[in-house]
Amino acid sequence: MRKLIVLALCLAPLACTEKVDCDKLAKKLDECGVAMVKAIAAEQGQKLDGAMADSMIAAMLPAVKDPLNQECKDNGGKFSDAKQVNECLGKSSCDEFAACMAQNTK
């Protein structure tokens, strides 16, 4: 009986873990993916500007967002940083979302 109680107490935090809305994440990545990549690059000291950079980022973006979207679905929206991702998803503009996500990649 004691083992069952310990097991229940250990698993309880997992059941209450905050989840990311995978559909909302996919939509935001479609809408703001280029801005997010540029913000993350800037956070790492790289500058990606101009129409050429935007088109290159857009062309490569599926290689970044598709595995992330799949991971979200496979894990039922559970990420170790779900709280931070949800905060970013709550941002109304792409610039705010991108800056928030860039801060979370540190």
Protein backbone atom coordinates (compact mmCIF):
# COMPACT_ATOMS: atom_id res chain seq x y z
CA MET A 1 0.00 0.00 0.00
CA ARG A 2 2.81 2.39 0.89
CA LYS A 3 4.36 1.84 -2.56
CA LEU A 4 1.10 2.82 -4.23
CA ILE A 5 0.92 6.05 -2.24
CA VAL A 6 4.52 6.93 -3.09
CA LEU A 7 3.89 6.15 -6.77
CA ALA A 8 0.74 8.29 -6.78
CA LEU A 9 2.60 11.18 -5.18
CA CYS A 10 5.42 10.90 -7.71
CA LEU A 11 3.09 10.80 -10.71
CA ALA A 12 0.70 13.51 -9.52
CA PRO A 13 2.90 16.41 -10.67
CA LEU A 14 3.07 14.91 -14.16
CA ALA A 15 -0.69 14.84 -14.46
CA CYS A 16 -0.94 18.50 -13.52
CA THR A 17 1.82 19.68 -15.81
CA GLU A 18 0.87 22.69 -17.88
CA LYS A 19 0.26 21.88 -21.53
CA VAL A 20 0.73 23.81 -24.76
CA ASP A 21 -2.22 24.05 -27.15
CA CYS A 22 -0.60 22.37 -30.18
CA ASP A 23 -3.04 23.90 -32.68
CA LYS A 24 -2.37 27.38 -31.31
CA LEU A 25 1.39 26.75 -31.46
CA ALA A 26 1.19 25.56 -35.07
CA LYS A 27 -0.88 28.58 -36.08
CA LYS A 28 1.49 31.01 -34.35
CA LEU A 29 4.54 29.36 -35.95
CA ASP A 30 2.90 29.64 -39.37
CA GLU A 31 2.06 33.29 -38.76
CA CYS A 32 5.22 34.39 -36.93
CA GLY A 33 7.91 31.83 -37.72
CA VAL A 34 10.11 34.16 -39.77
CA ALA A 35 10.01 36.83 -37.05
CA MET A 36 10.84 34.19 -34.43
CA VAL A 37 13.88 32.90 -36.33
CA LYS A 38 15.13 36.46 -36.82
CA ALA A 39 14.68 37.25 -33.12
CA ILE A 40 16.49 34.07 -32.06
CA ALA A 41 19.34 34.86 -34.48
CA ALA A 42 19.57 38.40 -33.10
CA GLU A 43 19.64 37.00 -29.55
CA GLN A 44 22.64 34.91 -30.63
CA GLY A 45 24.41 37.92 -32.15
CA GLN A 46 23.50 37.32 -35.79
CA LYS A 47 21.61 39.74 -37.99
CA LEU A 48 19.21 38.48 -40.64
CA ASP A 49 17.70 41.36 -42.62
CA GLY A 50 16.13 41.98 -45.97
CA ALA A 51 13.74 40.26 -48.32
CA MET A 52 16.35 37.66 -49.29
CA ALA A 53 16.79 36.65 -45.65
CA ASP A 54 13.01 36.47 -45.17
CA SER A 55 12.54 34.20 -48.19
CA MET A 56 15.42 31.95 -47.13
CA ILE A 57 14.04 31.67 -43.60
CA ALA A 58 10.55 30.95 -44.93
CA ALA A 59 11.94 28.20 -47.16
CA MET A 60 13.80 26.56 -44.27
CA LEU A 61 11.11 27.11 -41.63
CA PRO A 62 9.26 23.81 -42.17
CA ALA A 63 12.44 21.98 -41.11
CA VAL A 64 12.15 23.74 -37.74
CA LYS A 65 8.42 23.98 -37.12
CA ASP A 66 7.26 20.60 -38.45
CA PRO A 67 9.30 18.54 -35.94
CA LEU A 68 8.27 20.92 -33.15
CA ASN A 69 4.59 20.60 -34.06
CA GLN A 70 4.94 16.81 -34.23
CA GLU A 71 6.68 16.70 -30.85
CA CYS A 72 3.85 18.75 -29.40
CA LYS A 73 1.24 16.32 -30.72
CA ASP A 74 3.24 13.24 -29.70
CA ASN A 75 3.67 14.54 -26.14
CA GLY A 76 0.13 15.79 -25.74
CA GLY A 77 1.35 19.37 -25.48
CA LYS A 78 3.69 18.63 -22.59
CA PHE A 79 7.01 20.48 -22.69
CA SER A 80 9.38 21.22 -19.84
CA ASP A 81 8.97 24.92 -20.66
CA ALA A 82 5.23 24.83 -21.41
CA LYS A 83 4.52 27.73 -19.06
CA GLN A 84 6.93 30.00 -20.94
CA VAL A 85 5.69 28.85 -24.35
CA ASN A 86 2.10 29.56 -23.29
CA GLU A 87 3.12 33.04 -22.15
CA CYS A 88 4.64 33.63 -25.58
CA LEU A 89 1.57 32.27 -27.36
CA GLY A 90 -0.47 34.85 -25.49
CA LYS A 91 1.41 37.70 -27.16
CA SER A 92 -0.69 39.51 -29.74
CA SER A 93 1.93 40.62 -32.25
CA CYS A 94 4.54 38.56 -34.05
CA ASP A 95 7.28 40.85 -32.77
CA GLU A 96 6.21 40.27 -29.16
CA PHE A 97 5.88 36.53 -29.72
CA ALA A 98 9.27 36.36 -31.42
CA ALA A 99 11.01 38.32 -28.67
CA CYS A 100 9.40 36.13 -26.01
CA MET A 101 10.45 32.91 -27.74
CA ALA A 102 13.97 34.23 -28.25
CA GLN A 103 14.22 34.92 -24.51
CA ASN A 104 13.19 31.31 -23.82
CA THR A 105 15.92 29.85 -26.04
CA LYS A 106 18.76 31.15 -23.88
